PDB file of N, CA and C in Angstrom:
ATOM      1  N   MET A   1      91.529 -81.475-193.996  1.00  0.00           N
ATOM      2  CA  MET A   1      92.497 -80.502-193.838  1.00  0.00           C
ATOM      3  C   MET A   1      93.904 -80.973-193.097  1.00  0.00           C
ATOM      4  N   THR A   2      94.973 -80.839-193.702  1.00  0.00           N
ATOM      5  CA  THR A   2      95.998 -81.254-193.012  1.00  0.00           C
ATOM      6  C   THR A   2      96.358 -79.915-191.869  1.00  0.00           C
ATOM      7  N   GLY A   3      97.306 -80.273-190.801  1.00  0.00           N
ATOM      8  CA  GLY A   3      97.950 -79.414-190.218  1.00  0.00           C
ATOM      9  C   GLY A   3      98.608 -78.077-190.994  1.00  0.00           C
ATOM     10  N   ASN A   4      99.349 -78.263-191.891  1.00  0.00           N
ATOM     11  CA  ASN A   4      99.936 -77.214-192.578  1.00  0.00           C
ATOM     12  C   ASN A   4      98.815 -76.476-193.544  1.00  0.00           C
ATOM     13  N   THR A   5      98.030 -77.210-193.841  1.00  0.00           N
ATOM     14  CA  THR A   5      96.610 -76.751-194.510  1.00  0.00           C
ATOM     15  C   THR A   5      96.090 -75.870-193.435  1.00  0.00           C
ATOM     16  N   ASP A   6      95.927 -76.366-192.647  1.00  0.00           N
ATOM     17  CA  ASP A   6      95.107 -75.492-191.684  1.00  0.00           C
ATOM     18  C   ASP A   6      95.763 -74.128-191.124  1.00  0.00           C
ATOM     19  N   ARG A   7      97.096 -74.410-190.803  1.00  0.00           N
ATOM     20  CA  ARG A   7      97.988 -73.451-190.596  1.00  0.00           C
ATOM     21  C   ARG A   7      97.934 -72.233-191.647  1.00  0.00           C
ATOM     22  N   ALA A   8      98.146 -72.597-192.881  1.00  0.00           N
ATOM     23  CA  ALA A   8      98.298 -71.690-194.025  1.00  0.00           C
ATOM     24  C   ALA A   8      96.783 -71.054-194.233  1.00  0.00           C
ATOM     25  N   ALA A   9      95.688 -71.895-193.855  1.00  0.00           N
ATOM     26  CA  ALA A   9      94.210 -71.037-193.725  1.00  0.00           C
ATOM     27  C   ALA A   9      94.280 -69.854-192.618  1.00  0.00           C
ATOM     28  N   VAL A  10      94.825 -70.038-191.646  1.00  0.00           N
ATOM     29  CA  VAL A  10      94.758 -69.181-190.548  1.00  0.00           C
ATOM     30  C   VAL A  10      95.470 -68.016-190.899  1.00  0.00           C
ATOM     31  N   LEU A  11      96.909 -68.531-191.711  1.00  0.00           N
ATOM     32  CA  LEU A  11      97.735 -67.038-191.964  1.00  0.00           C
ATOM     33  C   LEU A  11      96.995 -66.322-192.973  1.00  0.00           C
ATOM     34  N   LEU A  12      96.773 -66.824-194.169  1.00  0.00           N
ATOM     35  CA  LEU A  12      95.678 -66.203-194.862  1.00  0.00           C
ATOM     36  C   LEU A  12      94.658 -65.468-194.355  1.00  0.00           C
ATOM     37  N   THR A  13      93.833 -65.912-193.560  1.00  0.00           N
ATOM     38  CA  THR A  13      92.657 -65.604-192.819  1.00  0.00           C
ATOM     39  C   THR A  13      93.067 -63.709-191.926  1.00  0.00           C
ATOM     40  N   HIS A  14      94.209 -64.447-191.279  1.00  0.00           N
ATOM     41  CA  HIS A  14      94.659 -63.253-190.431  1.00  0.00           C
ATOM     42  C   HIS A  14      95.242 -62.124-191.704  1.00  0.00           C
ATOM     43  N   CYS A  15      96.001 -62.516-192.776  1.00  0.00           N
ATOM     44  CA  CYS A  15      96.338 -61.495-193.400  1.00  0.00           C
ATOM     45  C   CYS A  15      94.799 -60.834-194.221  1.00  0.00           C
ATOM     46  N   LEU A  16      94.139 -61.298-194.491  1.00  0.00           N
ATOM     47  CA  LEU A  16      92.583 -60.688-195.290  1.00  0.00           C
ATOM     48  C   LEU A  16      92.414 -59.517-194.390  1.00  0.00           C
ATOM     49  N   VAL A  17      92.317 -60.194-193.040  1.00  0.00           N
ATOM     50  CA  VAL A  17      91.519 -59.076-192.020  1.00  0.00           C
ATOM     51  C   VAL A  17      92.454 -58.102-191.727  1.00  0.00           C
ATOM     52  N   HIS A  18      93.535 -58.246-191.448  1.00  0.00           N
ATOM     53  CA  HIS A  18      94.356 -57.302-191.037  1.00  0.00           C
ATOM     54  C   HIS A  18      94.855 -56.379-192.376  1.00  0.00           C
ATOM     55  N   ARG A  19      95.167 -56.757-193.503  1.00  0.00           N
ATOM     56  CA  ARG A  19      95.222 -55.767-194.640  1.00  0.00           C
ATOM     57  C   ARG A  19      94.266 -55.556-195.599  1.00  0.00           C
ATOM     58  N   HIS A  20      92.751 -55.747-195.327  1.00  0.00           N
ATOM     59  CA  HIS A  20      92.050 -55.585-196.132  1.00  0.00           C
ATOM     60  C   HIS A  20      90.758 -55.214-195.599  1.00  0.00           C
ATOM     61  N   GLY A  21      90.684 -55.565-194.185  1.00  0.00           N
ATOM     62  CA  GLY A  21      89.677 -55.007-193.346  1.00  0.00           C
ATOM     63  C   GLY A  21      88.080 -56.020-193.568  1.00  0.00           C
ATOM     64  N   ILE A  22      88.464 -57.121-193.981  1.00  0.00           N
ATOM     65  CA  ILE A  22      87.038 -57.642-194.229  1.00  0.00           C
ATOM     66  C   ILE A  22      86.876 -58.520-192.825  1.00  0.00           C
ATOM     67  N   THR A  23      85.788 -58.897-192.429  1.00  0.00           N
ATOM     68  CA  THR A  23      85.863 -59.761-191.114  1.00  0.00           C
ATOM     69  C   THR A  23      86.413 -61.091-191.023  1.00  0.00           C
ATOM     70  N   VAL A  24      86.480 -61.737-189.887  1.00  0.00           N
ATOM     71  CA  VAL A  24      87.006 -62.757-189.672  1.00  0.00           C
ATOM     72  C   VAL A  24      86.389 -63.928-190.595  1.00  0.00           C
ATOM     73  N   SER A  25      85.009 -63.881-190.372  1.00  0.00           N
ATOM     74  CA  SER A  25      83.942 -64.931-191.214  1.00  0.00           C
ATOM     75  C   SER A  25      84.223 -65.225-192.890  1.00  0.00           C
ATOM     76  N   GLN A  26      84.062 -63.618-193.141  1.00  0.00           N
ATOM     77  CA  GLN A  26      84.471 -63.672-194.495  1.00  0.00           C
ATOM     78  C   GLN A  26      85.489 -63.701-195.159  1.00  0.00           C
ATOM     79  N   ALA A  27      86.586 -63.912-194.163  1.00  0.00           N
ATOM     80  CA  ALA A  27      88.032 -64.564-194.371  1.00  0.00           C
ATOM     81  C   ALA A  27      88.080 -65.598-194.804  1.00  0.00           C
ATOM     82  N   PHE A  28      87.599 -66.495-193.745  1.00  0.00           N
ATOM     83  CA  PHE A  28      87.522 -68.138-193.644  1.00  0.00           C
ATOM     84  C   PHE A  28      86.312 -68.262-194.584  1.00  0.00           C
ATOM     85  N   THR A  29      85.851 -67.620-195.034  1.00  0.00           N
ATOM     86  CA  THR A  29      84.662 -68.263-195.928  1.00  0.00           C
ATOM     87  C   THR A  29      85.671 -68.398-197.307  1.00  0.00           C
ATOM     88  N   ALA A  30      85.984 -67.019-197.821  1.00  0.00           N
ATOM     89  CA  ALA A  30      86.741 -66.762-198.674  1.00  0.00           C
ATOM     90  C   ALA A  30      88.031 -67.495-198.573  1.00  0.00           C
ATOM     91  N   VAL A  31      88.836 -68.175-197.740  1.00  0.00           N
ATOM     92  CA  VAL A  31      89.533 -69.324-198.022  1.00  0.00           C
ATOM     93  C   VAL A  31      89.246 -70.619-198.459  1.00  0.00           C
ATOM     94  N   ASP A  32      88.041 -71.008-197.530  1.00  0.00           N
ATOM     95  CA  ASP A  32      87.729 -72.137-197.969  1.00  0.00           C
ATOM     96  C   ASP A  32      87.002 -72.175-199.352  1.00  0.00           C
ATOM     97  N   GLN A  33      86.550 -71.267-199.724  1.00  0.00           N
ATOM     98  CA  GLN A  33      85.941 -71.328-201.115  1.00  0.00           C
ATOM     99  C   GLN A  33      87.152 -71.534-202.100  1.00  0.00           C
ATOM    100  N   VAL A  34      88.498 -70.630-202.143  1.00  0.00           N
ATOM    101  CA  VAL A  34      89.720 -71.171-202.947  1.00  0.00           C
ATOM    102  C   VAL A  34      89.957 -72.713-202.661  1.00  0.00           C
ATOM    103  N   GLN A  35      89.957 -72.865-201.751  1.00  0.00           N
ATOM    104  CA  GLN A  35      90.686 -74.415-200.898  1.00  0.00           C
ATOM    105  C   GLN A  35      89.314 -75.578-202.150  1.00  0.00           C
ATOM    106  N   ARG A  36      88.099 -75.137-202.338  1.00  0.00           N
ATOM    107  CA  ARG A  36      87.263 -76.100-202.827  1.00  0.00           C
ATOM    108  C   ARG A  36      87.280 -75.877-204.403  1.00  0.00           C
ATOM    109  N   GLY A  37      87.927 -74.630-204.955  1.00  0.00           N
ATOM    110  CA  GLY A  37      87.629 -74.504-206.328  1.00  0.00           C
ATOM    111  C   GLY A  37      86.430 -73.441-206.633  1.00  0.00           C
ATOM    112  N   GLU A  38      86.021 -73.097-205.542  1.00  0.00           N
ATOM    113  CA  GLU A  38      85.102 -72.122-206.005  1.00  0.00           C
ATOM    114  C   GLU A  38      85.451 -70.600-205.817  1.00  0.00           C
ATOM    115  N   THR A  39      84.409 -69.905-206.441  1.00  0.00           N
ATOM    116  CA  THR A  39      84.557 -68.105-206.580  1.00  0.00           C
ATOM    117  C   THR A  39      83.654 -67.625-205.731  1.00  0.00           C
ATOM    118  N   GLY A  40      83.966 -66.573-204.955  1.00  0.00           N
ATOM    119  CA  GLY A  40      83.202 -65.910-204.215  1.00  0.00           C
ATOM    120  C   GLY A  40      83.601 -64.440-204.372  1.00  0.00           C
ATOM    121  N   PRO A  41      83.094 -63.270-203.525  1.00  0.00           N
ATOM    122  CA  PRO A  41      83.467 -61.931-203.300  1.00  0.00           C
ATOM    123  C   PRO A  41      85.115 -61.615-203.092  1.00  0.00           C
ATOM    124  N   HIS A  42      85.326 -62.597-202.299  1.00  0.00           N
ATOM    125  CA  HIS A  42      86.844 -62.321-201.538  1.00  0.00           C
ATOM    126  C   HIS A  42      87.753 -63.252-202.299  1.00  0.00           C
ATOM    127  N   THR A  43      87.406 -63.978-202.904  1.00  0.00           N
ATOM    128  CA  THR A  43      88.579 -65.153-203.340  1.00  0.00           C
ATOM    129  C   THR A  43      89.872 -64.748-204.016  1.00  0.00           C
ATOM    130  N   ALA A  44      89.575 -63.412-205.118  1.00  0.00           N
ATOM    131  CA  ALA A  44      90.527 -62.684-205.727  1.00  0.00           C
ATOM    132  C   ALA A  44      91.602 -62.297-204.313  1.00  0.00           C
ATOM    133  N   LEU A  45      91.310 -61.937-203.211  1.00  0.00           N
ATOM    134  CA  LEU A  45      91.927 -61.336-202.497  1.00  0.00           C
ATOM    135  C   LEU A  45      93.027 -62.793-201.576  1.00  0.00           C
ATOM    136  N   VAL A  46      92.257 -64.143-201.460  1.00  0.00           N
ATOM    137  CA  VAL A  46      92.876 -64.626-201.147  1.00  0.00           C
ATOM    138  C   VAL A  46      94.011 -65.251-202.009  1.00  0.00           C
ATOM    139  N   VAL A  47      93.927 -65.055-203.225  1.00  0.00           N
ATOM    140  CA  VAL A  47      94.787 -65.228-204.194  1.00  0.00           C
ATOM    141  C   VAL A  47      96.261 -64.517-203.721  1.00  0.00           C
ATOM    142  N   GLU A  48      95.662 -63.286-204.015  1.00  0.00           N
ATOM    143  CA  GLU A  48      96.835 -62.240-204.036  1.00  0.00           C
ATOM    144  C   GLU A  48      97.515 -61.891-202.902  1.00  0.00           C
ATOM    145  N   GLU A  49      96.652 -62.406-201.548  1.00  0.00           N
ATOM    146  CA  GLU A  49      97.110 -62.325-200.429  1.00  0.00           C
ATOM    147  C   GLU A  49      98.658 -63.835-200.191  1.00  0.00           C
ATOM    148  N   ALA A  50      98.154 -64.743-200.882  1.00  0.00           N
ATOM    149  CA  ALA A  50      98.926 -65.895-201.245  1.00  0.00           C
ATOM    150  C   ALA A  50     100.321 -65.470-201.574  1.00  0.00           C
ATOM    151  N   ARG A  51     100.087 -64.978-202.870  1.00  0.00           N
ATOM    152  CA  ARG A  51     101.013 -64.741-203.467  1.00  0.00           C
ATOM    153  C   ARG A  51     102.099 -63.654-203.000  1.00  0.00           C
ATOM    154  N   ALA A  52     101.512 -62.747-202.059  1.00  0.00           N
ATOM    155  CA  ALA A  52     102.052 -61.972-201.537  1.00  0.00           C
ATOM    156  C   ALA A  52     102.989 -62.524-200.126  1.00  0.00           C
ATOM    157  N   ILE A  53     102.603 -63.579-199.611  1.00  0.00           N
ATOM    158  CA  ILE A  53     103.221 -64.237-198.810  1.00  0.00           C
ATOM    159  C   ILE A  53     104.462 -65.094-199.208  1.00  0.00           C
ATOM    160  N   MET A  54     103.797 -65.318-200.697  1.00  0.00           N
ATOM    161  CA  MET A  54     105.046 -66.258-201.043  1.00  0.00           C
ATOM    162  C   MET A  54     106.193 -65.232-201.483  1.00  0.00           C
ATOM    163  N   ARG A  55     105.870 -63.860-202.073  1.00  0.00           N
ATOM    164  CA  ARG A  55     106.845 -63.041-202.298  1.00  0.00           C
ATOM    165  C   ARG A  55     107.775 -62.790-201.205  1.00  0.00           C
ATOM    166  N   ASP A  56     107.339 -62.644-200.193  1.00  0.00           N
ATOM    167  CA  ASP A  56     107.826 -62.060-198.645  1.00  0.00           C
ATOM    168  C   ASP A  56     108.718 -63.465-198.346  1.00  0.00           C
ATOM    169  N   MET A  57     108.166 -64.609-198.460  1.00  0.00           N
ATOM    170  CA  MET A  57     109.052 -65.542-198.303  1.00  0.00           C
ATOM    171  C   MET A  57     110.312 -65.938-198.998  1.00  0.00           C
ATOM    172  N   ALA A  58     110.031 -65.596-200.644  1.00  0.00           N
ATOM    173  CA  ALA A  58     111.220 -65.681-201.244  1.00  0.00           C
ATOM    174  C   ALA A  58     112.444 -64.558-201.220  1.00  0.00           C
ATOM    175  N   THR A  59     111.776 -63.315-200.715  1.00  0.00           N
ATOM    176  CA  THR A  59     112.927 -62.433-200.596  1.00  0.00           C
ATOM    177  C   THR A  59     113.404 -62.395-199.301  1.00  0.00           C
ATOM    178  N   ALA A  60     112.773 -63.072-198.160  1.00  0.00           N
ATOM    179  CA  ALA A  60     113.362 -63.560-196.932  1.00  0.00           C
ATOM    180  C   ALA A  60     114.814 -64.543-197.070  1.00  0.00           C
ATOM    181  N   PHE A  61     114.447 -65.652-198.283  1.00  0.00           N
ATOM    182  CA  PHE A  61     115.380 -66.518-198.584  1.00  0.00           C
ATOM    183  C   PHE A  61     116.519 -66.204-199.505  1.00  0.00           C
ATOM    184  N   ALA A  62     116.052 -65.256-200.041  1.00  0.00           N
ATOM    185  CA  ALA A  62     117.325 -64.851-201.431  1.00  0.00           C
ATOM    186  C   ALA A  62     118.570 -64.754-200.547  1.00  0.00           C
ATOM    187  N   PRO A  63     118.898 -64.169-199.232  1.00  0.00           N
ATOM    188  CA  PRO A  63     120.300 -64.486-198.834  1.00  0.00           C
ATOM    189  C   PRO A  63     120.920 -65.797-198.754  1.00  0.00           C
ATOM    190  N   VAL A  64     120.051 -66.562-198.384  1.00  0.00           N
ATOM    191  CA  VAL A  64     120.371 -67.731-198.099  1.00  0.00           C
ATOM    192  C   VAL A  64     120.659 -68.621-199.336  1.00  0.00           C
ATOM    193  N   VAL A  65     119.962 -68.260-200.084  1.00  0.00           N
ATOM    194  CA  VAL A  65     119.764 -68.989-201.582  1.00  0.00           C
ATOM    195  C   VAL A  65     121.367 -68.576-202.177  1.00  0.00           C
ATOM    196  N   GLU A  66     121.470 -67.357-201.939  1.00  0.00           N
ATOM    197  CA  GLU A  66     122.798 -66.659-202.813  1.00  0.00           C
ATOM    198  C   GLU A  66     123.733 -67.374-201.894  1.00  0.00           C
ATOM    199  N   ALA A  67     124.109 -67.558-200.565  1.00  0.00           N
ATOM    200  CA  ALA A  67     124.958 -68.110-200.016  1.00  0.00           C
ATOM    201  C   ALA A  67     125.325 -69.555-200.512  1.00  0.00           C
ATOM    202  N   PHE A  68     124.180 -70.400-200.418  1.00  0.00           N
ATOM    203  CA  PHE A  68     124.526 -71.712-201.317  1.00  0.00           C
ATOM    204  C   PHE A  68     124.923 -71.654-202.634  1.00  0.00           C
ATOM    205  N   ARG A  69     124.307 -70.830-203.346  1.00  0.00           N
ATOM    206  CA  ARG A  69     125.182 -70.902-204.724  1.00  0.00           C
ATOM    207  C   ARG A  69     126.783 -70.443-204.417  1.00  0.00           C
ATOM    208  N   ARG A  70     127.001 -69.507-204.046  1.00  0.00           N
ATOM    209  CA  ARG A  70     128.254 -69.305-203.632  1.00  0.00           C
ATOM    210  C   ARG A  70     129.195 -70.483-203.116  1.00  0.00           C
ATOM    211  N   LEU A  71     128.449 -71.041-202.174  1.00  0.00           N
ATOM    212  CA  LEU A  71     129.085 -72.381-201.482  1.00  0.00           C
ATOM    213  C   LEU A  71     129.399 -73.536-202.370  1.00  0.00           C
ATOM    214  N   ALA A  72     128.461 -73.643-203.488  1.00  0.00           N
ATOM    215  CA  ALA A  72     128.476 -74.849-204.104  1.00  0.00           C
ATOM    216  C   ALA A  72     129.691 -75.096-204.724  1.00  0.00           C
ATOM    217  N   PRO A  73     130.510 -74.389-205.506  1.00  0.00           N
ATOM    218  CA  PRO A  73     131.597 -74.781-206.122  1.00  0.00           C
ATOM    219  C   PRO A  73     132.674 -75.152-205.165  1.00  0.00           C
ATOM    220  N   ALA A  74     132.615 -74.638-204.032  1.00  0.00           N
ATOM    221  CA  ALA A  74     134.009 -74.811-202.734  1.00  0.00           C
ATOM    222  C   ALA A  74     133.308 -76.621-202.285  1.00  0.00           C
ATOM    223  N   VAL A  75     131.913 -76.623-202.297  1.00  0.00           N
ATOM    224  CA  VAL A  75     131.363 -77.984-201.801  1.00  0.00           C
ATOM    225  C   VAL A  75     131.703 -78.928-202.581  1.00  0.00           C
ATOM    226  N   GLN A  76     131.125 -78.806-204.600  1.00  0.00           N
ATOM    227  CA  GLN A  76     131.868 -79.588-204.983  1.00  0.00           C
ATOM    228  C   GLN A  76     133.319 -80.338-205.120  1.00  0.00           C
ATOM    229  N   ALA A  77     133.747 -79.077-204.853  1.00  0.00           N
ATOM    230  CA  ALA A  77     135.394 -79.484-205.152  1.00  0.00           C
ATOM    231  C   ALA A  77     136.108 -80.288-203.899  1.00  0.00           C
ATOM    232  N   ALA A  78     135.380 -79.895-202.875  1.00  0.00           N
ATOM    233  CA  ALA A  78     135.771 -80.783-201.299  1.00  0.00           C
ATOM    234  C   ALA A  78     135.349 -82.190-201.690  1.00  0.00           C
ATOM    235  N   ALA A  79     134.151 -82.363-201.910  1.00  0.00           N
ATOM    236  CA  ALA A  79     133.277 -83.608-202.548  1.00  0.00           C
ATOM    237  C   ALA A  79     134.365 -84.416-203.535  1.00  0.00           C
ATOM    238  N   ALA A  80     135.128 -83.628-204.380  1.00  0.00           N
ATOM    239  CA  ALA A  80     135.813 -84.502-205.141  1.00  0.00           C
ATOM    240  C   ALA A  80     137.386 -85.112-204.602  1.00  0.00           C
ATOM    241  N   GLN A  81     137.578 -84.101-203.886  1.00  0.00           N
ATOM    242  CA  GLN A  81     138.760 -84.150-203.497  1.00  0.00           C
ATOM    243  C   GLN A  81     138.645 -85.237-202.376  1.00  0.00           C
ATOM    244  N   LEU A  82     137.697 -85.282-201.645  1.00  0.00           N
ATOM    245  CA  LEU A  82     137.499 -86.618-200.736  1.00  0.00           C
ATOM    246  C   LEU A  82     137.163 -88.155-201.371  1.00  0.00           C
ATOM    247  N   GLY A  83     136.417 -88.029-202.731  1.00  0.00           N
ATOM    248  CA  GLY A  83     136.075 -89.190-203.550  1.00  0.00           C
ATOM    249  C   GLY A  83     137.478 -89.592-203.950  1.00  0.00           C
ATOM    250  N   LYS A  84     138.373 -88.649-204.307  1.00  0.00           N
ATOM    251  CA  LYS A  84     139.726 -88.978-204.707  1.00  0.00           C
ATOM    252  C   LYS A  84     140.664 -89.754-203.677  1.00  0.00           C
ATOM    253  N   ALA A  85     140.500 -89.032-202.504  1.00  0.00           N
ATOM    254  CA  ALA A  85     141.443 -89.853-201.150  1.00  0.00           C
ATOM    255  C   ALA A  85     140.716 -91.035-201.275  1.00  0.00           C
ATOM    256  N   LEU A  86     139.211 -91.251-200.731  1.00  0.00           N
ATOM    257  CA  LEU A  86     138.701 -92.530-200.714  1.00  0.00           C
ATOM    258  C   LEU A  86     138.871 -93.687-202.050  1.00  0.00           C
ATOM    259  N   ASN A  87     139.005 -93.254-202.890  1.00  0.00           N
ATOM    260  CA  ASN A  87     139.506 -94.217-204.134  1.00  0.00           C
ATOM    261  C   ASN A  87     141.054 -94.812-203.898  1.00  0.00           C
ATOM    262  N   LEU A  88     141.870 -93.741-203.147  1.00  0.00           N
ATOM    263  CA  LEU A  88     143.334 -94.569-202.988  1.00  0.00           C
ATOM    264  C   LEU A  88     143.595 -95.132-202.391  1.00  0.00           C
ATOM    265  N   GLN A  89     142.691 -95.249-201.201  1.00  0.00           N
ATOM    266  CA  GLN A  89     142.709 -96.606-200.366  1.00  0.00           C
ATOM    267  C   GLN A  89     142.287 -98.170-200.817  1.00  0.00           C
ATOM    268  N   GLN A  90     142.763 -98.767-200.211  1.00  0.00           N
ATOM    269  CA  GLN A  90     142.198-100.484-200.570  1.00  0.00           C
ATOM    270  C   GLN A  90     141.000-100.520-200.093  1.00  0.00           C
ATOM    271  N   PRO A  91     140.209-101.226-200.795  1.00  0.00           N
ATOM    272  CA  PRO A  91     138.943-101.558-200.233  1.00  0.00           C
ATOM    273  C   PRO A  91     139.203-102.354-199.328  1.00  0.00           C
ATOM    274  N   ALA A  92     138.411-102.463-198.320  1.00  0.00           N
ATOM    275  CA  ALA A  92     138.491-103.337-196.731  1.00  0.00           C
ATOM    276  C   ALA A  92     137.947-104.608-197.319  1.00  0.00           C
ATOM    277  N   ARG A  93     138.474-105.707-197.202  1.00  0.00           N
ATOM    278  CA  ARG A  93     138.126-107.069-197.252  1.00  0.00           C
ATOM    279  C   ARG A  93     136.580-107.307-196.421  1.00  0.00           C
ATOM    280  N   SER A  94     135.656-107.570-197.095  1.00  0.00           N
ATOM    281  CA  SER A  94     134.322-107.961-195.871  1.00  0.00           C
ATOM    282  C   SER A  94     134.639-109.449-195.554  1.00  0.00           C
ATOM    283  N   PRO A  95     134.206-109.860-194.086  1.00  0.00           N
ATOM    284  CA  PRO A  95     134.342-111.249-194.244  1.00  0.00           C
ATOM    285  C   PRO A  95     133.367-111.991-194.678  1.00  0.00           C
ATOM    286  N   ARG A  96     133.361-112.892-194.627  1.00  0.00           N
ATOM    287  CA  ARG A  96     132.243-113.887-195.628  1.00  0.00           C
ATOM    288  C   ARG A  96     131.189-113.849-194.454  1.00  0.00           C
ATOM    289  N   ARG A  97     130.002-113.843-194.865  1.00  0.00           N
ATOM    290  CA  ARG A  97     128.660-113.845-194.381  1.00  0.00           C
ATOM    291  C   ARG A  97     127.461-114.734-194.567  1.00  0.00           C
ATOM    292  N   ASP A  98     128.244-116.032-195.131  1.00  0.00           N
ATOM    293  CA  ASP A  98     127.412-116.848-195.699  1.00  0.00           C
ATOM    294  C   ASP A  98     127.024-117.833-194.422  1.00  0.00           C
ATOM    295  N   ARG A  99     127.477-117.311-193.181  1.00  0.00           N
ATOM    296  CA  ARG A  99     127.624-117.912-191.938  1.00  0.00           C
ATOM    297  C   ARG A  99     127.629-117.237-190.326  1.00  0.00           C
ATOM    298  N   PRO A 100     126.705-117.745-189.652  1.00  0.00           N
ATOM    299  CA  PRO A 100     126.659-116.658-188.506  1.00  0.00           C
ATOM    300  C   PRO A 100     128.084-116.007-187.657  1.00  0.00           C
ATOM    301  N   VAL A 101     128.308-115.157-187.273  1.00  0.00           N
ATOM    302  CA  VAL A 101     129.477-114.736-186.946  1.00  0.00           C
ATOM    303  C   VAL A 101     130.156-115.695-185.831  1.00  0.00           C
ATOM    304  N   TRP A 102     129.216-116.239-184.944  1.00  0.00           N
ATOM    305  CA  TRP A 102     129.644-116.990-184.061  1.00  0.00           C
ATOM    306  C   TRP A 102     129.999-118.709-184.277  1.00  0.00           C
ATOM    307  N   GLN A 103     129.679-119.036-185.655  1.00  0.00           N
ATOM    308  CA  GLN A 103     130.217-120.378-186.004  1.00  0.00           C
ATOM    309  C   GLN A 103     131.679-120.166-186.730  1.00  0.00           C
ATOM    310  N   SER A 104     132.305-121.135-186.326  1.00  0.00           N
ATOM    311  CA  SER A 104     133.496-121.568-187.066  1.00  0.00           C
ATOM    312  C   SER A 104     133.571-121.840-188.321  1.00  0.00           C
ATOM    313  N   PRO A 105     134.797-121.173-188.834  1.00  0.00           N
ATOM    314  CA  PRO A 105     135.019-121.820-190.451  1.00  0.00           C
ATOM    315  C   PRO A 105     135.130-123.387-190.622  1.00  0.00           C
ATOM    316  N   TYR A 106     135.511-123.587-189.546  1.00  0.00           N
ATOM    317  CA  TYR A 106     136.010-125.218-189.463  1.00  0.00           C
ATOM    318  C   TYR A 106     135.060-126.413-189.301  1.00  0.00           C
ATOM    319  N   GLY A 107     133.767-125.730-189.142  1.00  0.00           N
ATOM    320  CA  GLY A 107     132.717-126.720-188.668  1.00  0.00           C
ATOM    321  C   GLY A 107     132.666-127.151-187.188  1.00  0.00           C
ATOM    322  N   PRO A 108     131.456-127.680-186.741  1.00  0.00           N
ATOM    323  CA  PRO A 108     131.588-127.971-185.224  1.00  0.00           C
ATOM    324  C   PRO A 108     132.627-128.877-184.894  1.00  0.00           C
ATOM    325  N   PRO A 109     132.813-128.654-183.155  1.00  0.00           N
ATOM    326  CA  PRO A 109     133.986-129.552-183.000  1.00  0.00           C
ATOM    327  C   PRO A 109     133.840-130.722-182.735  1.00  0.00           C
ATOM    328  N   ALA A 110     134.936-131.542-183.042  1.00  0.00           N
ATOM    329  CA  ALA A 110     134.646-132.959-182.820  1.00  0.00           C
ATOM    330  C   ALA A 110     133.985-133.288-181.652  1.00  0.00           C
ATOM    331  N   ARG A 111     133.669-134.302-181.747  1.00  0.00           N
ATOM    332  CA  ARG A 111     133.302-134.727-180.460  1.00  0.00           C
ATOM    333  C   ARG A 111     133.775-135.933-179.436  1.00  0.00           C
ATOM    334  N   ARG A 112     133.935-135.871-178.606  1.00  0.00           N
ATOM    335  CA  ARG A 112     134.929-136.745-177.833  1.00  0.00           C
ATOM    336  C   ARG A 112     134.063-138.026-177.596  1.00  0.00           C
ATOM    337  N   ARG A 113     134.445-139.111-177.568  1.00  0.00           N
ATOM    338  CA  ARG A 113     133.503-140.557-177.411  1.00  0.00           C
ATOM    339  C   ARG A 113     134.340-141.049-176.535  1.00  0.00           C
ATOM    340  N   PHE A 114     133.687-141.524-175.176  1.00  0.00           N
ATOM    341  CA  PHE A 114     133.783-141.862-174.026  1.00  0.00           C
ATOM    342  C   PHE A 114     133.763-143.322-174.213  1.00  0.00           C
ATOM    343  N   ARG A 115     134.816-144.256-173.884  1.00  0.00           N
ATOM    344  CA  ARG A 115     134.807-145.883-174.229  1.00  0.00           C
ATOM    345  C   ARG A 115     134.791-146.418-172.673  1.00  0.00           C
TER     346      ARG A 115
END
C-alpha cells in the first residue's frame, strides 16, 4: 500500500468504528477485504463510508468550484488580451547558437609571429 492508501484505510476505519460501532479489528479487516476485492460482513459499510466521505468532500469543495467557474471567463479574457499584447511586439532576435558564447564570430585571433 502507498502512503495515501494507508491514510485512506485509517480514515475509513475510524469512520466505521465511530459511526457504525464495530471494533477496530473488524473495521481494518473490512477495509482490507475491500482493497483485495473480497466480500465480508462489513464490506458494504466500507463502500458506504467511502461514498459518504467523497460526498462530504464534494460538498466542501463546491464553493471553490463555483468560484472558479465564475472566474473562468475573466481569466480567459485576460489571457486573450495578454496574448494580443504579446503578438504586437516584435519577436526578439535570438543570437546564433552554433558556437559557444565566448567564441568570437570572426574566428580565432591571428597569431603573431616573431622573427
